[in-house]
Structures are given as C-alpha cells and as structure tokens.
Amino acid sequence: MDPVMLARIQFASTTIFHFIFVPISIGLAFLIAVMETMYVFKGQDVYKRMAKFWGKLLLINFAVGVVTGILQEFQFGMNWSDYSRFVGDVFGAPLAIEALLAFFLESTFIGLWIFGWDRLSKKVHLLSIWLVSFGTLMSAFWILAANSFMQRPVGFEINNGRAEMNDFFALITNGQLLVEFPHTIFGALATGAFLVAGVSAYKLMKKQDLDFFKRSFNLAIVVGLITSILVAVFGHQQAQYLVQTQPMKMAAAEGLWETSEDPAPWTVFASIDPDKQENSAEFKVPYLLSFLSYSKFSGEVIGMKELQYQYEQEYGPGDYIPPVRTTFWSFRIMVAAGTAMILLGLYGAWLMLRKKVEQAGKWFLSMMLIGISLPIIANSSGWIMTEIGRQPWTVFGLITTENSISPNVSAGSILFSLIVFTAIYAVLAAVMAYLFVKVIKKGPYAEEADHRHASDPFNKEGYNAVS
C-alpha cells in the first residue's frame, strides 16, 4: 500500500463529496434571495412561499456541507504535514480568512433568516439572505485564492526552506484566481438553478402545485441558461490562461504528445496509450484547438514530450507528465455535461417564452429531472481535471505531491481513516437524500396542511396538540 496514493485517494474522495454541497448552497442561496426580493417588491405571497420551500433544501444542504467541510482543512495537518510546513504561511492565510470572516457571515445571517420571518422587517430579513448569498461567494473566493496559489504560486519568497508570503495583494489578484473564480461561481449558480428546475419539472410532471412550480421553473431555467453560457465563456478564458501558465496540463487534457501542427486540431476522442506515449482511433476537428487556445484559427500547441524535456531542464530529472487518460476524459465529460446543460436551458427558456412549460412533454420534464446531476458531474470532472492535471506537483514548480505527504503517517492508518470517512459520508448522503425527498414530496403547502390538521377539534391528534 502506497501512503502517497492512499492519501491522494482520501483527499480526492472527501473533497469531491464536499464539493457536491458547496455549489448547491451557493446556487440556492442566490435563487432564494431573488425569490424573496420578488416577494418584498411585488408583494405576492407565492414568492415568500417559494423562498421558504426552497430554503428548507438550502438548510439541509448547508448542514451536511458544514459537516463534510470540517474534515478538509484537518487533512492538511494529518496527511500532508510536509506540504503544510512548506507553504502554510501562504496557503493558511486565505483559509483562515474564509473560516473567520466569510463562513461566520454565512452562519450568522442564515440564523437570522431562519428565525427572523416574523421578527424582522421585510427589508432587513431580505438583507439577511442576500448577506448569506454574499458570504457563500466570499467563502468560495478565499478557498479559490488558496487553490489558485497551488496552480500558479505568486506573492511569496523562499526563506529558510519555506514559502513565506510577501505580497498579499498579489495573492488575491492572481491571474489564475481571476479566471477560476467566475468559472466556478457561475457553475455553482447553474447547479442551484438546475436543482430547482429539475425538482419543479418533476412536480409539473406529477401535476402538483402547478402555479408554484411553474414560477420556480421559469426563474430557475433563466438563471440556469445564463450561467451555463457564462460557465463556457469563462471556461474558455481559463483554458487560454492555462496554455500560458500550465501548458503540460492543457497538453494532457488534449492527449497531445507531440507539438501540434499549425493550425492545431481538437481531438474529440482518442484511445490513449501512456506507456507508448501515443494515441490511436483519434477523431479530430480541424482548427478548433488553435481557436480554443488563442481565440484564432492559427497557432501551434506544445506537446507533452517537448514540455517534459523543458521541465527536466528547469526542475531536474523526473516524470512531469500527469495521468493523461484521467485528465483527457475528465475534461471531455465536463464539456459534454456543460453542453447538455445549455441545450436543456435553451429548450426550457423557449417553452417559458411560449408559456407552454406546463404542457411540456414528459420526455423533457424527465430530462430536466436527470439534468439535476449534470452540473454536479461537470463540477466534479472539472475539478478532477484541474487537480490531476497538475501532477506531479502539489504547488506547481515548488513542491511535488510525493514530497508533501506526512512522513510519520502509515499506509494502514490512512486506509483505516479512508474506510471510516467513506462510510460516514455514505450515511450522510443517505440522510440528505431522505430529507430532500421528504421535503419535496410534502410540497410547499405542507405547513398549512399540518396547521389545519392540528387545529381540527374533531381530530384527536389535533385536539391534543391544541390543548
């Protein structure tokens, strides 16, 4: 058992599982803030009911997300102590700000939002949910600032064999952060939007609470379409930035062993053989890789073999080619899921404009239900491509993954904790799924029905509850 591989598997599994909940919280908080804004300024109770109903899902997701997120920062001390010692002075600052500022902002105002419906004025209560939404964005910003340092280290100096921050402003204006943050945030907003649209589609298919879920669907499909397009736009910018800063990652994402011709074609799919360092059964689209890399239909892209030679000259002997198959296919899964989101969004928006959402075919409503998983798949595969494509580096150009592991943690200890954490996460996932389904089945009018039931003097249970 290789402790480095086990530690990587543990970090990957816990991080991907946690990252299911983070985009949902960001997306739902924003949508709920929009719903409550419509309630405050339009005065229609249906929007208040929408904010409350979808708010239940937000609270369930938020609670599970907090539990799964606690483990993330502890892993840096448990399994990656050499990494933490080397870059802790830089990497720790944005993580500390996220915990002490952004997360406390979210937690404080989500409490006010939960208990303040009948205690705060409408506008103060509305401000609370907008501050929750802002807090989720700020949490993402500081986490991504730390991650962007790993992708492109800036604002530091090496002192006594350790990286120490010497320019905080450079850290938060990192070019990697400026392209990574909007790509991630719009992906999160799309995740929340497709969750709301998918659940609404299911309810429309069941002919339940049609007006309520039609309004929810219309709002969500507009947000989902706009954000899905923006994800693609900023993803394109991020890819172009990586061509300049992490060319090996981009070459691996394209399965490009040799430097391409000019103009460079984009490989749709290929059978990749990392041992022979060659591909077979390739299907390519002419000119497209040049356009993706430079926004023009000309320009070559450097291949992995040439980059390997360059890295050996710069960093010394070693294998600097990441796992190519994983990087290649995770990128294509992300693109495929994102494309499907845009297509579903376009058709859903077309139905909305024609006011035919409630008459939509069962096939489309079923596809929207399945579509809940699309942004989750895109988010997860995108992060796999981002992190795996950086290998063998933990911090690009500074410290490798092999040199980042805790030297005194045994493979058996990591394996045991991996099994335990996986079991706990499976239980959490089952609990969350159960609670989601329970809330969705009850619908938006469950509280009123329960109140009427409890207030009915001819109902024995209701009579006892009232008395």
Protein backbone atom coordinates (compact mmCIF):
# COMPACT_ATOMS: atom_id res chain seq x y z
CA MET A 1 0.00 0.00 0.00
CA ASP A 2 1.45 3.32 -1.12
CA PRO A 3 0.74 6.01 1.53
CA VAL A 4 1.00 8.78 -1.08
CA MET A 5 -1.64 7.19 -3.29
CA LEU A 6 -3.90 6.40 -0.32
CA ALA A 7 -3.63 9.98 0.94
CA ARG A 8 -4.45 11.26 -2.55
CA ILE A 9 -7.47 8.96 -2.79
CA GLN A 10 -8.70 10.08 0.63
CA PHE A 11 -8.32 13.76 -0.16
CA ALA A 12 -9.92 13.33 -3.58
CA SER A 13 -12.92 11.38 -2.25
CA THR A 14 -13.65 13.71 0.66
CA THR A 15 -13.12 16.85 -1.43
CA ILE A 16 -15.32 15.73 -4.32
CA PHE A 17 -18.06 14.67 -1.89
CA HIS A 18 -17.88 18.02 -0.07
CA PHE A 19 -17.89 19.88 -3.36
CA ILE A 20 -21.30 18.43 -4.19
CA PHE A 21 -22.83 20.57 -1.44
CA VAL A 22 -20.85 23.80 -1.87
CA PRO A 23 -22.22 24.73 -5.34
CA ILE A 24 -25.75 23.79 -4.29
CA SER A 25 -25.53 26.15 -1.30
CA ILE A 26 -24.14 28.98 -3.44
CA GLY A 27 -26.78 28.50 -6.13
CA LEU A 28 -29.76 28.01 -3.82
CA ALA A 29 -28.84 30.98 -1.61
CA PHE A 30 -28.76 33.25 -4.66
CA LEU A 31 -32.06 31.95 -6.07
CA ILE A 32 -33.80 32.22 -2.70
CA ALA A 33 -32.55 35.80 -2.36
CA VAL A 34 -34.04 36.58 -5.78
CA MET A 35 -37.34 34.92 -4.79
CA GLU A 36 -37.59 36.90 -1.56
CA THR A 37 -36.69 40.10 -3.41
CA MET A 38 -39.64 39.48 -5.71
CA TYR A 39 -41.84 38.92 -2.65
CA VAL A 40 -40.75 42.17 -0.98
CA PHE A 41 -41.15 44.34 -4.06
CA LYS A 42 -44.12 42.60 -5.71
CA GLY A 43 -45.97 41.78 -2.52
CA GLN A 44 -47.13 38.37 -3.79
CA ASP A 45 -47.15 35.68 -1.11
CA VAL A 46 -46.29 32.95 -3.61
CA TYR A 47 -42.71 34.26 -3.75
CA LYS A 48 -42.47 34.17 0.04
CA ARG A 49 -43.67 30.58 -0.07
CA MET A 50 -41.07 29.84 -2.76
CA ALA A 51 -38.29 31.28 -0.61
CA LYS A 52 -39.43 29.22 2.37
CA PHE A 53 -39.82 25.96 0.46
CA TRP A 54 -36.50 26.08 -1.36
CA GLY A 55 -34.95 27.43 1.83
CA LYS A 56 -35.64 24.09 3.51
CA LEU A 57 -33.47 22.36 0.93
CA LEU A 58 -30.79 25.02 1.42
CA LEU A 59 -30.72 24.44 5.18
CA ILE A 60 -30.45 20.66 4.81
CA ASN A 61 -27.67 21.05 2.26
CA PHE A 62 -25.91 23.70 4.36
CA ALA A 63 -25.87 21.47 7.44
CA VAL A 64 -24.43 18.48 5.59
CA GLY A 65 -21.94 20.72 3.78
CA VAL A 66 -20.63 22.09 7.07
CA VAL A 67 -20.06 18.60 8.45
CA THR A 68 -18.26 17.38 5.33
CA GLY A 69 -16.21 20.57 5.07
CA ILE A 70 -14.72 20.38 8.58
CA LEU A 71 -12.54 17.47 7.54
CA GLN A 72 -10.93 19.26 4.60
CA GLU A 73 -8.61 21.60 6.47
CA PHE A 74 -7.69 18.95 9.04
CA GLN A 75 -6.28 16.76 6.29
CA PHE A 76 -3.52 19.28 5.63
CA GLY A 77 -2.18 18.60 9.11
CA MET A 78 -2.96 14.89 9.21
CA ASN A 79 -1.82 13.56 5.83
CA TRP A 80 0.03 16.49 4.28
CA SER A 81 2.17 17.94 7.08
CA ASP A 82 5.27 18.47 4.92
CA TYR A 83 3.13 20.44 2.48
CA SER A 84 1.68 22.49 5.34
CA ARG A 85 5.10 23.23 6.77
CA PHE A 86 6.40 24.38 3.41
CA VAL A 87 3.53 26.64 2.25
CA GLY A 88 1.46 27.10 5.42
CA ASP A 89 2.42 30.77 5.79
CA VAL A 90 0.92 31.47 2.36
CA PHE A 91 -1.79 28.85 1.99
CA GLY A 92 -3.11 29.25 5.53
CA ALA A 93 -3.98 32.95 5.24
CA PRO A 94 -6.90 32.70 2.78
CA LEU A 95 -8.21 29.59 4.56
CA ALA A 96 -8.19 31.44 7.89
CA ILE A 97 -9.99 34.44 6.38
CA GLU A 98 -12.59 32.12 4.86
CA ALA A 99 -13.30 30.48 8.21
CA LEU A 100 -13.18 33.60 10.40
CA LEU A 101 -14.91 36.06 8.08
CA ALA A 102 -16.90 34.52 5.23
CA PHE A 103 -18.18 31.39 6.99
CA PHE A 104 -19.19 33.31 10.12
CA LEU A 105 -21.01 35.79 7.89
CA GLU A 106 -22.97 32.94 6.32
CA SER A 107 -23.71 31.26 9.64
CA THR A 108 -24.82 34.41 11.43
CA PHE A 109 -27.19 35.66 8.78
CA ILE A 110 -28.61 32.27 7.89
CA GLY A 111 -29.66 32.07 11.55
CA LEU A 112 -31.30 35.49 11.32
CA TRP A 113 -33.02 34.42 8.12
CA ILE A 114 -34.38 31.20 9.65
CA PHE A 115 -35.79 32.75 12.82
CA GLY A 116 -36.49 36.26 11.58
CA TRP A 117 -39.51 35.81 9.33
CA ASP A 118 -41.95 37.24 11.89
CA ARG A 119 -39.42 39.20 13.94
CA LEU A 120 -37.60 41.37 11.39
CA SER A 121 -38.94 43.84 8.90
CA LYS A 122 -39.26 42.57 5.35
CA LYS A 123 -36.28 44.53 4.06
CA VAL A 124 -34.00 43.61 6.96
CA HIS A 125 -34.97 39.97 6.53
CA LEU A 126 -34.29 40.25 2.80
CA LEU A 127 -30.89 41.76 3.56
CA SER A 128 -30.12 38.69 5.70
CA ILE A 129 -30.49 36.22 2.83
CA TRP A 130 -28.52 38.46 0.47
CA LEU A 131 -25.71 38.55 3.04
CA VAL A 132 -25.88 34.74 3.23
CA SER A 133 -25.50 34.65 -0.55
CA PHE A 134 -22.63 37.14 -0.40
CA GLY A 135 -20.99 35.04 2.32
CA THR A 136 -21.10 31.92 0.16
CA LEU A 137 -19.41 33.84 -2.65
CA MET A 138 -16.72 35.13 -0.30
CA SER A 139 -16.11 31.64 1.06
CA ALA A 140 -15.57 30.44 -2.48
CA PHE A 141 -13.28 33.39 -3.22
CA TRP A 142 -10.89 32.66 -0.36
CA ILE A 143 -10.84 28.92 -0.97
CA LEU A 144 -10.12 29.53 -4.64
CA ALA A 145 -7.41 32.05 -3.72
CA ALA A 146 -5.65 29.24 -1.86
CA ASN A 147 -6.19 26.80 -4.71
CA SER A 148 -5.00 29.33 -7.30
CA PHE A 149 -1.72 29.65 -5.39
CA MET A 150 -1.26 25.91 -5.87
CA GLN A 151 -1.88 26.32 -9.61
CA ARG A 152 0.22 29.47 -10.05
CA PRO A 153 2.24 30.45 -6.96
CA VAL A 154 2.60 34.24 -6.54
CA GLY A 155 3.19 36.71 -3.72
CA PHE A 156 5.80 34.69 -1.83
CA GLU A 157 9.51 34.27 -1.22
CA ILE A 158 11.54 31.28 -0.09
CA ASN A 159 13.02 31.84 3.37
CA ASN A 160 14.83 29.13 5.36
CA GLY A 161 13.48 26.49 3.02
CA ARG A 162 9.85 27.59 3.39
CA ALA A 163 7.50 29.68 1.28
CA GLU A 164 6.52 32.88 3.08
CA MET A 165 4.00 35.46 1.90
CA ASN A 166 5.45 38.85 0.96
CA ASP A 167 2.61 40.26 -1.16
CA PHE A 168 -0.98 39.60 -0.05
CA PHE A 169 -2.38 41.76 -2.85
CA ALA A 170 -0.61 39.57 -5.44
CA LEU A 171 -2.26 36.53 -3.86
CA ILE A 172 -5.79 37.89 -4.25
CA THR A 173 -5.17 39.29 -7.75
CA ASN A 174 -3.57 36.10 -9.02
CA GLY A 175 -4.38 35.72 -12.72
CA GLN A 176 -5.39 32.11 -12.07
CA LEU A 177 -7.92 33.29 -9.46
CA LEU A 178 -9.38 35.90 -11.80
CA VAL A 179 -10.33 33.23 -14.35
CA GLU A 180 -11.04 30.39 -11.91
CA PHE A 181 -13.39 32.30 -9.60
CA PRO A 182 -16.07 33.33 -12.16
CA HIS A 183 -15.92 29.91 -13.84
CA THR A 184 -16.54 28.19 -10.50
CA ILE A 185 -19.19 30.64 -9.27
CA PHE A 186 -21.28 30.53 -12.42
CA GLY A 187 -21.02 26.74 -12.28
CA ALA A 188 -22.35 26.86 -8.71
CA LEU A 189 -25.24 29.14 -9.68
CA ALA A 190 -26.08 26.75 -12.51
CA THR A 191 -26.03 23.86 -10.01
CA GLY A 192 -28.63 25.51 -7.80
CA ALA A 193 -30.70 26.54 -10.81
CA PHE A 194 -30.81 23.04 -12.29
CA LEU A 195 -31.74 21.59 -8.90
CA VAL A 196 -34.73 23.94 -8.65
CA ALA A 197 -35.66 23.43 -12.31
CA GLY A 198 -35.36 19.64 -12.04
CA VAL A 199 -37.49 19.35 -8.92
CA SER A 200 -40.04 21.75 -10.43
CA ALA A 201 -40.13 19.68 -13.63
CA TYR A 202 -40.83 16.56 -11.57
CA LYS A 203 -43.71 18.28 -9.79
CA LEU A 204 -45.09 19.61 -13.08
CA MET A 205 -44.91 16.11 -14.49
CA LYS A 206 -46.93 14.91 -11.48
CA LYS A 207 -49.41 17.80 -11.95
CA GLN A 208 -48.83 19.00 -8.39
CA ASP A 209 -48.94 22.68 -7.30
CA LEU A 210 -48.68 23.79 -10.91
CA ASP A 211 -48.58 27.57 -10.43
CA PHE A 212 -45.95 27.37 -7.70
CA PHE A 213 -43.60 25.07 -9.56
CA LYS A 214 -44.17 26.79 -12.90
CA ARG A 215 -42.91 30.04 -11.36
CA SER A 216 -39.97 28.22 -9.78
CA PHE A 217 -39.11 26.54 -13.07
CA ASN A 218 -39.27 29.78 -15.05
CA LEU A 219 -36.92 31.58 -12.67
CA ALA A 220 -34.52 28.65 -12.44
CA ILE A 221 -34.34 27.94 -16.17
CA VAL A 222 -33.45 31.56 -16.95
CA VAL A 223 -30.68 31.56 -14.32
CA GLY A 224 -29.56 28.10 -15.43
CA LEU A 225 -29.30 29.06 -19.10
CA ILE A 226 -27.46 32.34 -18.49
CA THR A 227 -25.00 30.85 -16.01
CA SER A 228 -24.35 27.76 -18.17
CA ILE A 229 -23.35 30.00 -21.07
CA LEU A 230 -21.15 32.11 -18.77
CA VAL A 231 -19.50 28.95 -17.44
CA ALA A 232 -18.49 28.10 -21.01
CA VAL A 233 -17.25 31.66 -21.66
CA PHE A 234 -15.06 31.80 -18.56
CA GLY A 235 -14.00 28.18 -19.05
CA HIS A 236 -12.68 29.20 -22.45
CA GLN A 237 -10.73 32.05 -20.84
CA GLN A 238 -9.37 29.72 -18.17
CA ALA A 239 -8.19 27.24 -20.81
CA GLN A 240 -6.36 30.01 -22.66
CA TYR A 241 -4.73 31.12 -19.42
CA LEU A 242 -3.58 27.56 -18.68
CA VAL A 243 -1.96 27.34 -22.11
CA GLN A 244 0.40 30.06 -20.87
CA THR A 245 0.86 29.04 -17.22
CA GLN A 246 0.37 25.24 -17.15
CA PRO A 247 0.94 24.05 -20.72
CA MET A 248 1.55 20.46 -19.57
CA LYS A 249 -1.96 20.29 -18.08
CA MET A 250 -3.53 21.53 -21.29
CA ALA A 251 -1.45 19.19 -23.43
CA ALA A 252 -2.58 16.27 -21.25
CA ALA A 253 -6.20 17.44 -21.46
CA GLU A 254 -5.88 17.24 -25.24
CA GLY A 255 -3.90 13.99 -25.29
CA LEU A 256 -1.25 15.88 -27.24
CA TRP A 257 2.07 14.00 -27.13
CA GLU A 258 3.81 15.80 -29.98
CA THR A 259 3.70 19.53 -30.64
CA SER A 260 0.75 20.14 -32.93
CA GLU A 261 0.77 21.44 -36.43
CA ASP A 262 -0.36 24.99 -37.11
CA PRO A 263 -3.36 25.29 -37.05
CA ALA A 264 -3.99 22.71 -34.33
CA PRO A 265 -6.97 20.34 -34.49
CA TRP A 266 -9.02 19.45 -31.40
CA THR A 267 -9.26 15.76 -30.52
CA VAL A 268 -12.85 14.79 -29.77
CA PHE A 269 -11.90 11.31 -28.58
CA ALA A 270 -8.90 9.00 -28.76
CA SER A 271 -7.55 5.74 -27.42
CA ILE A 272 -4.58 6.87 -25.30
CA ASP A 273 -1.59 4.63 -24.52
CA PRO A 274 0.53 6.36 -21.82
CA ASP A 275 3.18 3.61 -21.91
CA LYS A 276 3.87 4.04 -25.62
CA GLN A 277 3.08 7.78 -25.41
CA GLU A 278 0.83 7.67 -28.44
CA ASN A 279 -2.84 7.72 -29.40
CA SER A 280 -4.93 5.66 -31.77
CA ALA A 281 -8.50 5.83 -33.11
CA GLU A 282 -8.46 9.61 -32.96
CA PHE A 283 -11.27 11.81 -34.19
CA LYS A 284 -10.22 15.42 -34.67
CA VAL A 285 -11.89 18.70 -35.58
CA PRO A 286 -9.54 20.89 -37.66
CA TYR A 287 -8.54 24.36 -36.40
CA LEU A 288 -10.54 24.05 -33.16
CA LEU A 289 -7.67 23.59 -30.68
CA SER A 290 -5.95 26.70 -32.02
CA PHE A 291 -9.18 28.64 -31.52
CA LEU A 292 -9.66 27.27 -28.01
CA SER A 293 -6.07 28.16 -27.13
CA TYR A 294 -5.68 31.56 -28.80
CA SER A 295 -9.17 32.67 -29.99
CA LYS A 296 -7.95 32.48 -33.56
CA PHE A 297 -7.76 29.71 -36.14
CA SER A 298 -3.97 29.53 -36.14
CA GLY A 299 -1.20 28.70 -33.70
CA GLU A 300 0.54 25.53 -32.58
CA VAL A 301 0.18 23.92 -29.14
CA ILE A 302 3.23 22.40 -27.45
CA GLY A 303 3.07 18.65 -26.82
CA MET A 304 3.87 16.70 -23.66
CA LYS A 305 7.15 15.22 -24.91
CA GLU A 306 8.64 18.63 -25.63
CA LEU A 307 7.33 20.01 -22.34
CA GLN A 308 8.81 17.03 -20.48
CA TYR A 309 12.22 17.93 -21.88
CA GLN A 310 11.76 21.60 -20.92
CA TYR A 311 10.69 20.72 -17.37
CA GLU A 312 13.67 18.41 -16.93
CA GLN A 313 15.95 21.28 -17.87
CA GLU A 314 14.19 23.62 -15.44
CA TYR A 315 13.29 21.37 -12.48
CA GLY A 316 15.70 18.45 -12.81
CA PRO A 317 15.15 14.77 -13.66
CA GLY A 318 11.66 13.36 -13.13
CA ASP A 319 8.38 12.42 -14.78
CA TYR A 320 6.35 15.60 -15.24
CA ILE A 321 3.58 14.11 -17.39
CA PRO A 322 0.30 13.82 -15.40
CA PRO A 323 -2.13 10.88 -15.69
CA VAL A 324 -3.14 11.56 -19.28
CA ARG A 325 -6.23 9.37 -19.60
CA THR A 326 -7.85 10.85 -16.48
CA THR A 327 -7.05 14.43 -17.50
CA PHE A 328 -8.19 13.87 -21.08
CA TRP A 329 -11.53 12.22 -20.33
CA SER A 330 -12.47 14.33 -17.29
CA PHE A 331 -12.15 17.41 -19.49
CA ARG A 332 -14.47 15.89 -22.11
CA ILE A 333 -17.00 14.76 -19.54
CA MET A 334 -17.10 18.32 -18.21
CA VAL A 335 -17.59 19.76 -21.69
CA ALA A 336 -20.30 17.22 -22.56
CA ALA A 337 -22.23 17.89 -19.34
CA GLY A 338 -21.95 21.66 -19.85
CA THR A 339 -23.17 21.40 -23.44
CA ALA A 340 -26.18 19.34 -22.32
CA MET A 341 -27.00 22.00 -19.71
CA ILE A 342 -27.01 24.74 -22.34
CA LEU A 343 -29.25 22.71 -24.66
CA LEU A 344 -31.74 21.93 -21.88
CA GLY A 345 -31.68 25.57 -20.82
CA LEU A 346 -32.37 26.79 -24.33
CA TYR A 347 -35.34 24.48 -24.80
CA GLY A 348 -36.70 25.26 -21.34
CA ALA A 349 -36.42 29.02 -21.95
CA TRP A 350 -38.17 28.58 -25.30
CA LEU A 351 -41.05 26.80 -23.56
CA MET A 352 -41.19 29.53 -20.94
CA LEU A 353 -41.39 32.30 -23.55
CA ARG A 354 -44.20 30.44 -25.32
CA LYS A 355 -45.91 29.89 -21.94
CA LYS A 356 -46.05 26.16 -22.52
CA VAL A 357 -43.97 24.88 -19.61
CA GLU A 358 -46.91 23.04 -18.00
CA GLN A 359 -47.65 21.41 -21.38
CA ALA A 360 -44.04 20.30 -21.88
CA GLY A 361 -43.63 16.72 -22.97
CA LYS A 362 -42.86 14.08 -20.38
CA TRP A 363 -39.53 13.40 -22.09
CA PHE A 364 -38.33 16.97 -21.46
CA LEU A 365 -39.53 17.08 -17.86
CA SER A 366 -37.81 13.74 -17.28
CA MET A 367 -34.62 15.08 -18.86
CA MET A 368 -34.76 18.12 -16.55
CA LEU A 369 -35.03 15.79 -13.56
CA ILE A 370 -31.96 13.91 -14.80
CA GLY A 371 -30.41 17.30 -15.53
CA ILE A 372 -30.03 17.92 -11.78
CA SER A 373 -26.94 15.70 -12.00
CA LEU A 374 -25.37 17.48 -14.99
CA PRO A 375 -23.76 20.43 -13.16
CA ILE A 376 -22.62 18.09 -10.38
CA ILE A 377 -20.94 15.89 -12.97
CA ALA A 378 -19.43 18.94 -14.67
CA ASN A 379 -18.17 20.40 -11.38
CA SER A 380 -16.62 17.13 -10.23
CA SER A 381 -14.97 16.24 -13.54
CA GLY A 382 -13.70 19.80 -13.89
CA TRP A 383 -12.00 19.65 -10.51
CA ILE A 384 -10.56 16.22 -11.27
CA MET A 385 -9.05 17.64 -14.46
CA THR A 386 -7.75 20.70 -12.58
CA GLU A 387 -6.06 18.75 -9.78
CA ILE A 388 -4.94 15.60 -11.60
CA GLY A 389 -3.60 17.67 -14.49
CA ARG A 390 -1.26 19.50 -12.09
CA GLN A 391 0.51 16.30 -11.06
CA PRO A 392 3.23 15.58 -10.04
CA TRP A 393 3.06 18.97 -8.33
CA THR A 394 1.16 19.96 -5.21
CA VAL A 395 2.21 23.56 -5.74
CA PHE A 396 3.23 23.95 -9.36
CA GLY A 397 7.00 24.31 -9.70
CA LEU A 398 7.63 24.38 -5.93
CA ILE A 399 6.80 21.09 -4.22
CA THR A 400 5.72 17.71 -5.55
CA THR A 401 2.94 15.54 -4.18
CA GLU A 402 5.44 12.88 -3.16
CA ASN A 403 7.31 15.41 -1.00
CA SER A 404 4.11 16.78 0.56
CA ILE A 405 2.99 13.70 2.47
CA SER A 406 3.21 13.34 6.27
CA PRO A 407 6.31 11.21 6.88
CA ASN A 408 5.07 9.55 10.09
CA VAL A 409 1.58 8.52 8.98
CA SER A 410 1.43 4.86 7.96
CA ALA A 411 -0.44 3.47 5.00
CA GLY A 412 -2.57 1.40 7.38
CA SER A 413 -3.68 4.50 9.28
CA ILE A 414 -4.66 6.27 6.09
CA LEU A 415 -6.52 3.21 4.79
CA PHE A 416 -8.45 2.87 8.07
CA SER A 417 -9.46 6.55 8.10
CA LEU A 418 -10.36 6.36 4.40
CA ILE A 419 -12.76 3.48 5.07
CA VAL A 420 -14.28 5.22 8.11
CA PHE A 421 -14.72 8.55 6.37
CA THR A 422 -16.24 6.90 3.31
CA ALA A 423 -18.76 5.04 5.49
CA ILE A 424 -19.70 8.23 7.36
CA TYR A 425 -20.08 10.16 4.12
CA ALA A 426 -22.29 7.41 2.70
CA VAL A 427 -24.57 7.70 5.74
CA LEU A 428 -24.67 11.50 5.39
CA ALA A 429 -25.54 11.17 1.71
CA ALA A 430 -28.38 8.77 2.51
CA VAL A 431 -29.74 11.06 5.25
CA MET A 432 -29.60 14.09 2.98
CA ALA A 433 -31.31 12.26 0.12
CA TYR A 434 -34.05 11.07 2.50
CA LEU A 435 -34.66 14.57 3.85
CA PHE A 436 -34.66 16.11 0.37
CA VAL A 437 -37.20 13.59 -0.88
CA LYS A 438 -39.35 14.06 2.22
CA VAL A 439 -39.47 17.86 1.83
CA ILE A 440 -40.13 17.66 -1.91
CA LYS A 441 -42.93 15.12 -1.52
CA LYS A 442 -44.67 17.23 1.12
CA GLY A 443 -44.56 20.23 -1.18
CA PRO A 444 -44.78 23.95 -0.46
CA TYR A 445 -48.14 23.83 1.34
CA ALA A 446 -47.22 21.20 3.92
CA GLU A 447 -47.03 23.67 6.82
CA GLU A 448 -50.55 24.96 6.19
CA ALA A 449 -51.92 21.42 5.92
CA ASP A 450 -50.20 20.41 9.16
CA HIS A 451 -51.54 23.53 10.88
CA ARG A 452 -55.11 22.83 9.74
CA HIS A 453 -54.74 19.21 10.80
CA ALA A 454 -53.50 20.18 14.26
CA SER A 455 -56.23 22.82 14.68
CA ASP A 456 -59.14 20.50 13.77
CA PRO A 457 -61.04 19.86 17.04
CA PHE A 458 -62.59 16.70 15.57
CA ASN A 459 -59.13 15.25 15.04
CA LYS A 460 -57.90 13.50 18.17
CA GLU A 461 -54.23 14.19 17.50
CA GLY A 462 -55.04 17.82 16.59
CA TYR A 463 -57.17 18.28 19.71
CA ASN A 464 -54.39 17.00 21.95
CA ALA A 465 -51.85 19.22 20.19
CA VAL A 466 -54.00 22.34 20.58
CA SER A 467 -54.91 21.65 24.20
